[in-house]
Amino acid sequence: MKKKISKLSPEKNLQIIRNNIDKLDFKILKILSQRRKEVLKVIKIKPKNKIVDHQRISKMIKILITKGKKQNLEGFIIKNIWSTMIKSFIKLERIKYK
């Protein structure tokens, strides 16, 4: 997937980098689809009044931030992405319970 950036024009380098980002985004979409399948399994087990587990959410975000920092990811990026993702999947759970 990684193409070596050589002495190409800035526009060509930008195109290569953007193509790499697009490929990563498509991989992320596939993983989100897999996560959705697991979330739908969860709603078959846990009661409707237990959709949101604030302690688990807080704990997982802290763990992810710690792991992410080891991979040179800023904590605010992890917190924003996972908070948004979790809120979105909570919305999905509420829709599917109705």
PDB file of N, CA and C in Angstrom:
ATOM      1  N   MET A   1       0.821  -1.183   0.000  1.00  0.00           N
ATOM      2  CA  MET A   1       0.000   0.000   0.000  1.00  0.00           C
ATOM      3  C   MET A   1       0.870   1.254   0.000  1.00  0.00           C
ATOM      4  N   LYS A   2       1.937   1.242   0.737  1.00  0.00           N
ATOM      5  CA  LYS A   2       2.772   2.430   0.811  1.00  0.00           C
ATOM      6  C   LYS A   2       3.577   2.559  -0.472  1.00  0.00           C
ATOM      7  N   LYS A   3       3.457   3.697  -1.064  1.00  0.00           N
ATOM      8  CA  LYS A   3       4.267   4.005  -2.229  1.00  0.00           C
ATOM      9  C   LYS A   3       5.330   4.987  -1.778  1.00  0.00           C
ATOM     10  N   LYS A   4       6.522   4.712  -2.198  1.00  0.00           N
ATOM     11  CA  LYS A   4       7.622   5.574  -1.807  1.00  0.00           C
ATOM     12  C   LYS A   4       7.481   6.921  -2.508  1.00  0.00           C
ATOM     13  N   ILE A   5       7.596   7.964  -1.728  1.00  0.00           N
ATOM     14  CA  ILE A   5       7.509   9.305  -2.292  1.00  0.00           C
ATOM     15  C   ILE A   5       8.908   9.680  -2.777  1.00  0.00           C
ATOM     16  N   SER A   6       9.003   9.932  -4.043  1.00  0.00           N
ATOM     17  CA  SER A   6      10.308  10.250  -4.625  1.00  0.00           C
ATOM     18  C   SER A   6      10.326  11.699  -5.069  1.00  0.00           C
ATOM     19  N   LYS A   7      11.122  11.949  -6.099  1.00  0.00           N
ATOM     20  CA  LYS A   7      11.264  13.320  -6.591  1.00  0.00           C
ATOM     21  C   LYS A   7      10.145  13.653  -7.575  1.00  0.00           C
ATOM     22  N   LEU A   8       8.947  13.359  -7.167  1.00  0.00           N
ATOM     23  CA  LEU A   8       7.784  13.693  -7.986  1.00  0.00           C
ATOM     24  C   LEU A   8       7.346  15.114  -7.674  1.00  0.00           C
ATOM     25  N   SER A   9       6.476  15.616  -8.473  1.00  0.00           N
ATOM     26  CA  SER A   9       5.935  16.950  -8.220  1.00  0.00           C
ATOM     27  C   SER A   9       5.132  16.935  -6.918  1.00  0.00           C
ATOM     28  N   PRO A  10       4.999  18.089  -6.268  1.00  0.00           N
ATOM     29  CA  PRO A  10       4.184  18.135  -5.044  1.00  0.00           C
ATOM     30  C   PRO A  10       2.763  17.635  -5.282  1.00  0.00           C
ATOM     31  N   GLU A  11       2.206  17.933  -6.438  1.00  0.00           N
ATOM     32  CA  GLU A  11       0.844  17.487  -6.746  1.00  0.00           C
ATOM     33  C   GLU A  11       0.765  15.970  -6.822  1.00  0.00           C
ATOM     34  N   LYS A  12       1.761  15.354  -7.456  1.00  0.00           N
ATOM     35  CA  LYS A  12       1.784  13.891  -7.581  1.00  0.00           C
ATOM     36  C   LYS A  12       1.986  13.250  -6.206  1.00  0.00           C
ATOM     37  N   ASN A  13       2.887  13.823  -5.406  1.00  0.00           N
ATOM     38  CA  ASN A  13       3.088  13.320  -4.039  1.00  0.00           C
ATOM     39  C   ASN A  13       1.794  13.411  -3.233  1.00  0.00           C
ATOM     40  N   LEU A  14       1.091  14.530  -3.369  1.00  0.00           N
ATOM     41  CA  LEU A  14      -0.172  14.719  -2.662  1.00  0.00           C
ATOM     42  C   LEU A  14      -1.185  13.669  -3.101  1.00  0.00           C
ATOM     43  N   GLN A  15      -1.235  13.410  -4.388  1.00  0.00           N
ATOM     44  CA  GLN A  15      -2.154  12.399  -4.911  1.00  0.00           C
ATOM     45  C   GLN A  15      -1.833  11.017  -4.336  1.00  0.00           C
ATOM     46  N   ILE A  16      -0.571  10.667  -4.257  1.00  0.00           N
ATOM     47  CA  ILE A  16      -0.159   9.369  -3.709  1.00  0.00           C
ATOM     48  C   ILE A  16      -0.555   9.278  -2.242  1.00  0.00           C
ATOM     49  N   ILE A  17      -0.288  10.320  -1.495  1.00  0.00           N
ATOM     50  CA  ILE A  17      -0.620  10.327  -0.062  1.00  0.00           C
ATOM     51  C   ILE A  17      -2.127  10.225   0.130  1.00  0.00           C
ATOM     52  N   ARG A  18      -2.880  10.985  -0.646  1.00  0.00           N
ATOM     53  CA  ARG A  18      -4.346  10.936  -0.525  1.00  0.00           C
ATOM     54  C   ARG A  18      -4.891   9.562  -0.901  1.00  0.00           C
ATOM     55  N   ASN A  19      -4.308   8.920  -1.886  1.00  0.00           N
ATOM     56  CA  ASN A  19      -4.718   7.552  -2.241  1.00  0.00           C
ATOM     57  C   ASN A  19      -4.458   6.596  -1.086  1.00  0.00           C
ATOM     58  N   ASN A  20      -3.317   6.759  -0.418  1.00  0.00           N
ATOM     59  CA  ASN A  20      -3.016   5.927   0.752  1.00  0.00           C
ATOM     60  C   ASN A  20      -4.038   6.161   1.867  1.00  0.00           C
ATOM     61  N   ILE A  21      -4.390   7.412   2.087  1.00  0.00           N
ATOM     62  CA  ILE A  21      -5.392   7.749   3.104  1.00  0.00           C
ATOM     63  C   ILE A  21      -6.740   7.134   2.735  1.00  0.00           C
ATOM     64  N   ASP A  22      -7.118   7.231   1.468  1.00  0.00           N
ATOM     65  CA  ASP A  22      -8.386   6.640   1.015  1.00  0.00           C
ATOM     66  C   ASP A  22      -8.415   5.137   1.277  1.00  0.00           C
ATOM     67  N   LYS A  23      -7.323   4.447   0.988  1.00  0.00           N
ATOM     68  CA  LYS A  23      -7.263   2.997   1.227  1.00  0.00           C
ATOM     69  C   LYS A  23      -7.436   2.681   2.712  1.00  0.00           C
ATOM     70  N   LEU A  24      -6.813   3.497   3.559  1.00  0.00           N
ATOM     71  CA  LEU A  24      -6.977   3.319   5.003  1.00  0.00           C
ATOM     72  C   LEU A  24      -8.417   3.565   5.425  1.00  0.00           C
ATOM     73  N   ASP A  25      -9.043   4.596   4.861  1.00  0.00           N
ATOM     74  CA  ASP A  25     -10.439   4.891   5.181  1.00  0.00           C
ATOM     75  C   ASP A  25     -11.352   3.727   4.816  1.00  0.00           C
ATOM     76  N   PHE A  26     -11.091   3.091   3.677  1.00  0.00           N
ATOM     77  CA  PHE A  26     -11.908   1.939   3.275  1.00  0.00           C
ATOM     78  C   PHE A  26     -11.717   0.767   4.235  1.00  0.00           C
ATOM     79  N   LYS A  27     -10.508   0.605   4.741  1.00  0.00           N
ATOM     80  CA  LYS A  27     -10.257  -0.441   5.751  1.00  0.00           C
ATOM     81  C   LYS A  27     -11.014  -0.124   7.042  1.00  0.00           C
ATOM     82  N   ILE A  28     -11.015   1.143   7.418  1.00  0.00           N
ATOM     83  CA  ILE A  28     -11.738   1.568   8.623  1.00  0.00           C
ATOM     84  C   ILE A  28     -13.229   1.291   8.467  1.00  0.00           C
ATOM     85  N   LEU A  29     -13.779   1.561   7.286  1.00  0.00           N
ATOM     86  CA  LEU A  29     -15.194   1.270   7.031  1.00  0.00           C
ATOM     87  C   LEU A  29     -15.505  -0.212   7.242  1.00  0.00           C
ATOM     88  N   LYS A  30     -14.641  -1.061   6.750  1.00  0.00           N
ATOM     89  CA  LYS A  30     -14.838  -2.503   6.903  1.00  0.00           C
ATOM     90  C   LYS A  30     -14.824  -2.897   8.387  1.00  0.00           C
ATOM     91  N   ILE A  31     -13.905  -2.330   9.123  1.00  0.00           N
ATOM     92  CA  ILE A  31     -13.823  -2.612  10.562  1.00  0.00           C
ATOM     93  C   ILE A  31     -15.055  -2.079  11.287  1.00  0.00           C
ATOM     94  N   LEU A  32     -15.548  -0.908  10.903  1.00  0.00           N
ATOM     95  CA  LEU A  32     -16.760  -0.361  11.515  1.00  0.00           C
ATOM     96  C   LEU A  32     -17.958  -1.266  11.244  1.00  0.00           C
ATOM     97  N   SER A  33     -18.010  -1.827  10.068  1.00  0.00           N
ATOM     98  CA  SER A  33     -19.089  -2.760   9.742  1.00  0.00           C
ATOM     99  C   SER A  33     -19.016  -3.999  10.644  1.00  0.00           C
ATOM    100  N   GLN A  34     -17.815  -4.487  10.871  1.00  0.00           N
ATOM    101  CA  GLN A  34     -17.630  -5.635  11.770  1.00  0.00           C
ATOM    102  C   GLN A  34     -18.019  -5.265  13.201  1.00  0.00           C
ATOM    103  N   ARG A  35     -17.669  -4.054  13.620  1.00  0.00           N
ATOM    104  CA  ARG A  35     -18.029  -3.595  14.968  1.00  0.00           C
ATOM    105  C   ARG A  35     -19.547  -3.512  15.105  1.00  0.00           C
ATOM    106  N   ARG A  36     -20.205  -3.033  14.060  1.00  0.00           N
ATOM    107  CA  ARG A  36     -21.669  -2.934  14.068  1.00  0.00           C
ATOM    108  C   ARG A  36     -22.298  -4.301  14.300  1.00  0.00           C
ATOM    109  N   LYS A  37     -21.785  -5.325  13.637  1.00  0.00           N
ATOM    110  CA  LYS A  37     -22.313  -6.687  13.806  1.00  0.00           C
ATOM    111  C   LYS A  37     -22.199  -7.134  15.261  1.00  0.00           C
ATOM    112  N   GLU A  38     -21.088  -6.807  15.899  1.00  0.00           N
ATOM    113  CA  GLU A  38     -20.896  -7.187  17.299  1.00  0.00           C
ATOM    114  C   GLU A  38     -21.840  -6.413  18.207  1.00  0.00           C
ATOM    115  N   VAL A  39     -22.048  -5.134  17.919  1.00  0.00           N
ATOM    116  CA  VAL A  39     -22.977  -4.312  18.709  1.00  0.00           C
ATOM    117  C   VAL A  39     -24.386  -4.897  18.616  1.00  0.00           C
ATOM    118  N   LEU A  40     -24.778  -5.326  17.437  1.00  0.00           N
ATOM    119  CA  LEU A  40     -26.112  -5.915  17.280  1.00  0.00           C
ATOM    120  C   LEU A  40     -26.247  -7.219  18.062  1.00  0.00           C
ATOM    121  N   LYS A  41     -25.162  -7.932  18.249  1.00  0.00           N
ATOM    122  CA  LYS A  41     -25.189  -9.141  19.090  1.00  0.00           C
ATOM    123  C   LYS A  41     -25.400  -8.765  20.552  1.00  0.00           C
ATOM    124  N   VAL A  42     -24.771  -7.664  20.957  1.00  0.00           N
ATOM    125  CA  VAL A  42     -24.861  -7.215  22.351  1.00  0.00           C
ATOM    126  C   VAL A  42     -26.296  -6.871  22.726  1.00  0.00           C
ATOM    127  N   ILE A  43     -27.041  -6.227  21.816  1.00  0.00           N
ATOM    128  CA  ILE A  43     -28.390  -5.806  22.183  1.00  0.00           C
ATOM    129  C   ILE A  43     -29.324  -6.991  22.387  1.00  0.00           C
ATOM    130  N   LYS A  44     -28.930  -8.159  21.909  1.00  0.00           N
ATOM    131  CA  LYS A  44     -29.731  -9.362  22.147  1.00  0.00           C
ATOM    132  C   LYS A  44     -29.533  -9.878  23.568  1.00  0.00           C
ATOM    133  N   ILE A  45     -28.471  -9.417  24.215  1.00  0.00           N
ATOM    134  CA  ILE A  45     -28.121  -9.928  25.541  1.00  0.00           C
ATOM    135  C   ILE A  45     -28.440  -8.937  26.657  1.00  0.00           C
ATOM    136  N   LYS A  46     -28.042  -7.689  26.471  1.00  0.00           N
ATOM    137  CA  LYS A  46     -28.224  -6.736  27.570  1.00  0.00           C
ATOM    138  C   LYS A  46     -29.587  -6.056  27.496  1.00  0.00           C
ATOM    139  N   PRO A  47     -30.140  -5.734  28.655  1.00  0.00           N
ATOM    140  CA  PRO A  47     -31.457  -5.092  28.683  1.00  0.00           C
ATOM    141  C   PRO A  47     -31.388  -3.653  28.183  1.00  0.00           C
ATOM    142  N   LYS A  48     -32.512  -3.162  27.725  1.00  0.00           N
ATOM    143  CA  LYS A  48     -32.604  -1.822  27.144  1.00  0.00           C
ATOM    144  C   LYS A  48     -32.125  -0.745  28.111  1.00  0.00           C
ATOM    145  N   ASN A  49     -32.410  -0.924  29.388  1.00  0.00           N
ATOM    146  CA  ASN A  49     -32.011   0.098  30.366  1.00  0.00           C
ATOM    147  C   ASN A  49     -30.510   0.059  30.679  1.00  0.00           C
ATOM    148  N   LYS A  50     -29.786  -0.853  30.042  1.00  0.00           N
ATOM    149  CA  LYS A  50     -28.343  -0.956  30.278  1.00  0.00           C
ATOM    150  C   LYS A  50     -27.539  -0.642  29.008  1.00  0.00           C
ATOM    151  N   ILE A  51     -28.150   0.072  28.067  1.00  0.00           N
ATOM    152  CA  ILE A  51     -27.461   0.387  26.806  1.00  0.00           C
ATOM    153  C   ILE A  51     -26.170   1.147  27.078  1.00  0.00           C
ATOM    154  N   VAL A  52     -26.237   2.154  27.920  1.00  0.00           N
ATOM    155  CA  VAL A  52     -25.063   2.993  28.165  1.00  0.00           C
ATOM    156  C   VAL A  52     -24.396   2.573  29.468  1.00  0.00           C
ATOM    157  N   ASP A  53     -23.122   2.209  29.368  1.00  0.00           N
ATOM    158  CA  ASP A  53     -22.326   1.859  30.538  1.00  0.00           C
ATOM    159  C   ASP A  53     -21.196   2.889  30.634  1.00  0.00           C
ATOM    160  N   HIS A  54     -21.468   3.961  31.360  1.00  0.00           N
ATOM    161  CA  HIS A  54     -20.524   5.078  31.426  1.00  0.00           C
ATOM    162  C   HIS A  54     -19.166   4.664  31.982  1.00  0.00           C
ATOM    163  N   GLN A  55     -19.163   3.765  32.956  1.00  0.00           N
ATOM    164  CA  GLN A  55     -17.887   3.315  33.519  1.00  0.00           C
ATOM    165  C   GLN A  55     -17.055   2.580  32.476  1.00  0.00           C
ATOM    166  N   ARG A  56     -17.689   1.696  31.722  1.00  0.00           N
ATOM    167  CA  ARG A  56     -16.962   0.961  30.678  1.00  0.00           C
ATOM    168  C   ARG A  56     -16.447   1.920  29.604  1.00  0.00           C
ATOM    169  N   ILE A  57     -17.273   2.869  29.197  1.00  0.00           N
ATOM    170  CA  ILE A  57     -16.864   3.830  28.169  1.00  0.00           C
ATOM    171  C   ILE A  57     -15.642   4.609  28.635  1.00  0.00           C
ATOM    172  N   SER A  58     -15.702   5.133  29.840  1.00  0.00           N
ATOM    173  CA  SER A  58     -14.594   5.912  30.393  1.00  0.00           C
ATOM    174  C   SER A  58     -13.322   5.071  30.487  1.00  0.00           C
ATOM    175  N   LYS A  59     -13.478   3.849  30.988  1.00  0.00           N
ATOM    176  CA  LYS A  59     -12.329   2.944  31.138  1.00  0.00           C
ATOM    177  C   LYS A  59     -11.704   2.623  29.776  1.00  0.00           C
ATOM    178  N   MET A  60     -12.528   2.318  28.781  1.00  0.00           N
ATOM    179  CA  MET A  60     -12.019   1.956  27.461  1.00  0.00           C
ATOM    180  C   MET A  60     -11.320   3.136  26.793  1.00  0.00           C
ATOM    181  N   ILE A  61     -11.868   4.320  26.922  1.00  0.00           N
ATOM    182  CA  ILE A  61     -11.227   5.483  26.304  1.00  0.00           C
ATOM    183  C   ILE A  61      -9.858   5.735  26.933  1.00  0.00           C
ATOM    184  N   LYS A  62      -9.758   5.571  28.248  1.00  0.00           N
ATOM    185  CA  LYS A  62      -8.460   5.732  28.919  1.00  0.00           C
ATOM    186  C   LYS A  62      -7.461   4.693  28.422  1.00  0.00           C
ATOM    187  N   ILE A  63      -7.905   3.450  28.297  1.00  0.00           N
ATOM    188  CA  ILE A  63      -7.030   2.383  27.795  1.00  0.00           C
ATOM    189  C   ILE A  63      -6.592   2.683  26.365  1.00  0.00           C
ATOM    190  N   LEU A  64      -7.545   3.099  25.535  1.00  0.00           N
ATOM    191  CA  LEU A  64      -7.224   3.392  24.138  1.00  0.00           C
ATOM    192  C   LEU A  64      -6.254   4.567  24.014  1.00  0.00           C
ATOM    193  N   ILE A  65      -6.416   5.570  24.859  1.00  0.00           N
ATOM    194  CA  ILE A  65      -5.495   6.713  24.837  1.00  0.00           C
ATOM    195  C   ILE A  65      -4.088   6.260  25.208  1.00  0.00           C
ATOM    196  N   THR A  66      -3.981   5.426  26.221  1.00  0.00           N
ATOM    197  CA  THR A  66      -2.673   4.915  26.636  1.00  0.00           C
ATOM    198  C   THR A  66      -2.025   4.108  25.511  1.00  0.00           C
ATOM    199  N   LYS A  67      -2.798   3.205  24.912  1.00  0.00           N
ATOM    200  CA  LYS A  67      -2.271   2.398  23.806  1.00  0.00           C
ATOM    201  C   LYS A  67      -1.954   3.267  22.589  1.00  0.00           C
ATOM    202  N   GLY A  68      -2.798   4.230  22.335  1.00  0.00           N
ATOM    203  CA  GLY A  68      -2.599   5.111  21.195  1.00  0.00           C
ATOM    204  C   GLY A  68      -1.341   5.955  21.311  1.00  0.00           C
ATOM    205  N   LYS A  69      -1.055   6.417  22.510  1.00  0.00           N
ATOM    206  CA  LYS A  69       0.152   7.230  22.714  1.00  0.00           C
ATOM    207  C   LYS A  69       1.403   6.435  22.367  1.00  0.00           C
ATOM    208  N   LYS A  70       1.364   5.131  22.612  1.00  0.00           N
ATOM    209  CA  LYS A  70       2.501   4.276  22.264  1.00  0.00           C
ATOM    210  C   LYS A  70       2.657   4.157  20.747  1.00  0.00           C
ATOM    211  N   GLN A  71       1.615   4.519  20.022  1.00  0.00           N
ATOM    212  CA  GLN A  71       1.661   4.497  18.558  1.00  0.00           C
ATOM    213  C   GLN A  71       1.682   5.913  17.981  1.00  0.00           C
ATOM    214  N   ASN A  72       2.082   6.855  18.823  1.00  0.00           N
ATOM    215  CA  ASN A  72       2.218   8.264  18.426  1.00  0.00           C
ATOM    216  C   ASN A  72       0.902   8.917  18.021  1.00  0.00           C
ATOM    217  N   LEU A  73      -0.191   8.489  18.616  1.00  0.00           N
ATOM    218  CA  LEU A  73      -1.485   9.122  18.384  1.00  0.00           C
ATOM    219  C   LEU A  73      -1.806  10.053  19.547  1.00  0.00           C
ATOM    220  N   GLU A  74      -2.235  11.239  19.222  1.00  0.00           N
ATOM    221  CA  GLU A  74      -2.595  12.198  20.265  1.00  0.00           C
ATOM    222  C   GLU A  74      -3.883  11.757  20.961  1.00  0.00           C
ATOM    223  N   GLY A  75      -3.922  11.971  22.269  1.00  0.00           N
ATOM    224  CA  GLY A  75      -5.074  11.572  23.072  1.00  0.00           C
ATOM    225  C   GLY A  75      -6.377  12.214  22.625  1.00  0.00           C
ATOM    226  N   PHE A  76      -6.319  13.491  22.222  1.00  0.00           N
ATOM    227  CA  PHE A  76      -7.556  14.174  21.825  1.00  0.00           C
ATOM    228  C   PHE A  76      -8.157  13.554  20.561  1.00  0.00           C
ATOM    229  N   ILE A  77      -7.315  13.036  19.681  1.00  0.00           N
ATOM    230  CA  ILE A  77      -7.829  12.379  18.467  1.00  0.00           C
ATOM    231  C   ILE A  77      -8.578  11.112  18.856  1.00  0.00           C
ATOM    232  N   ILE A  78      -7.961  10.326  19.702  1.00  0.00           N
ATOM    233  CA  ILE A  78      -8.587   9.075  20.148  1.00  0.00           C
ATOM    234  C   ILE A  78      -9.887   9.363  20.880  1.00  0.00           C
ATOM    235  N   LYS A  79      -9.844  10.307  21.816  1.00  0.00           N
ATOM    236  CA  LYS A  79     -11.044  10.626  22.595  1.00  0.00           C
ATOM    237  C   LYS A  79     -12.178  11.104  21.693  1.00  0.00           C
ATOM    238  N   ASN A  80     -11.887  11.992  20.761  1.00  0.00           N
ATOM    239  CA  ASN A  80     -12.930  12.517  19.879  1.00  0.00           C
ATOM    240  C   ASN A  80     -13.506  11.435  18.983  1.00  0.00           C
ATOM    241  N   ILE A  81     -12.652  10.636  18.379  1.00  0.00           N
ATOM    242  CA  ILE A  81     -13.131   9.597  17.463  1.00  0.00           C
ATOM    243  C   ILE A  81     -13.941   8.550  18.208  1.00  0.00           C
ATOM    244  N   TRP A  82     -13.405   8.043  19.320  1.00  0.00           N
ATOM    245  CA  TRP A  82     -14.135   6.984  20.025  1.00  0.00           C
ATOM    246  C   TRP A  82     -15.394   7.506  20.685  1.00  0.00           C
ATOM    247  N   SER A  83     -15.368   8.707  21.208  1.00  0.00           N
ATOM    248  CA  SER A  83     -16.590   9.262  21.806  1.00  0.00           C
ATOM    249  C   SER A  83     -17.690   9.376  20.757  1.00  0.00           C
ATOM    250  N   THR A  84     -17.342   9.864  19.587  1.00  0.00           N
ATOM    251  CA  THR A  84     -18.320   9.991  18.501  1.00  0.00           C
ATOM    252  C   THR A  84     -18.791   8.616  18.047  1.00  0.00           C
ATOM    253  N   MET A  85     -17.869   7.690  17.904  1.00  0.00           N
ATOM    254  CA  MET A  85     -18.234   6.342  17.470  1.00  0.00           C
ATOM    255  C   MET A  85     -19.163   5.672  18.497  1.00  0.00           C
ATOM    256  N   ILE A  86     -18.820   5.776  19.747  1.00  0.00           N
ATOM    257  CA  ILE A  86     -19.636   5.158  20.799  1.00  0.00           C
ATOM    258  C   ILE A  86     -21.032   5.779  20.814  1.00  0.00           C
ATOM    259  N   LYS A  87     -21.120   7.104  20.735  1.00  0.00           N
ATOM    260  CA  LYS A  87     -22.431   7.764  20.701  1.00  0.00           C
ATOM    261  C   LYS A  87     -23.251   7.280  19.511  1.00  0.00           C
ATOM    262  N   SER A  88     -22.598   7.101  18.385  1.00  0.00           N
ATOM    263  CA  SER A  88     -23.300   6.631  17.184  1.00  0.00           C
ATOM    264  C   SER A  88     -23.815   5.211  17.356  1.00  0.00           C
ATOM    265  N   PHE A  89     -23.023   4.351  17.956  1.00  0.00           N
ATOM    266  CA  PHE A  89     -23.464   2.973  18.164  1.00  0.00           C
ATOM    267  C   PHE A  89     -24.523   2.878  19.266  1.00  0.00           C
ATOM    268  N   ILE A  90     -24.473   3.769  20.244  1.00  0.00           N
ATOM    269  CA  ILE A  90     -25.544   3.837  21.247  1.00  0.00           C
ATOM    270  C   ILE A  90     -26.850   4.217  20.550  1.00  0.00           C
ATOM    271  N   LYS A  91     -26.774   5.167  19.624  1.00  0.00           N
ATOM    272  CA  LYS A  91     -27.965   5.556  18.855  1.00  0.00           C
ATOM    273  C   LYS A  91     -28.494   4.358  18.071  1.00  0.00           C
ATOM    274  N   LEU A  92     -27.605   3.596  17.452  1.00  0.00           N
ATOM    275  CA  LEU A  92     -28.013   2.397  16.723  1.00  0.00           C
ATOM    276  C   LEU A  92     -28.720   1.410  17.655  1.00  0.00           C
ATOM    277  N   GLU A  93     -28.163   1.193  18.826  1.00  0.00           N
ATOM    278  CA  GLU A  93     -28.786   0.278  19.792  1.00  0.00           C
ATOM    279  C   GLU A  93     -30.196   0.745  20.139  1.00  0.00           C
ATOM    280  N   ARG A  94     -30.341   2.042  20.399  1.00  0.00           N
ATOM    281  CA  ARG A  94     -31.673   2.561  20.764  1.00  0.00           C
ATOM    282  C   ARG A  94     -32.661   2.383  19.623  1.00  0.00           C
ATOM    283  N   ILE A  95     -32.201   2.603  18.403  1.00  0.00           N
ATOM    284  CA  ILE A  95     -33.080   2.409  17.230  1.00  0.00           C
ATOM    285  C   ILE A  95     -33.485   0.946  17.102  1.00  0.00           C
ATOM    286  N   LYS A  96     -32.542   0.056  17.274  1.00  0.00           N
ATOM    287  CA  LYS A  96     -32.812  -1.374  17.093  1.00  0.00           C
ATOM    288  C   LYS A  96     -33.689  -1.934  18.210  1.00  0.00           C
ATOM    289  N   TYR A  97     -33.693  -1.303  19.379  1.00  0.00           N
ATOM    290  CA  TYR A  97     -34.544  -1.772  20.481  1.00  0.00           C
ATOM    291  C   TYR A  97     -35.993  -1.449  20.244  1.00  0.00           C
ATOM    292  N   LYS A  98     -36.292  -0.441  19.451  1.00  0.00           N
ATOM    293  CA  LYS A  98     -37.678   0.007  19.262  1.00  0.00           C
ATOM    294  C   LYS A  98     -38.483  -0.944  18.446  1.00  0.00           C
TER     295      LYS A  98
END
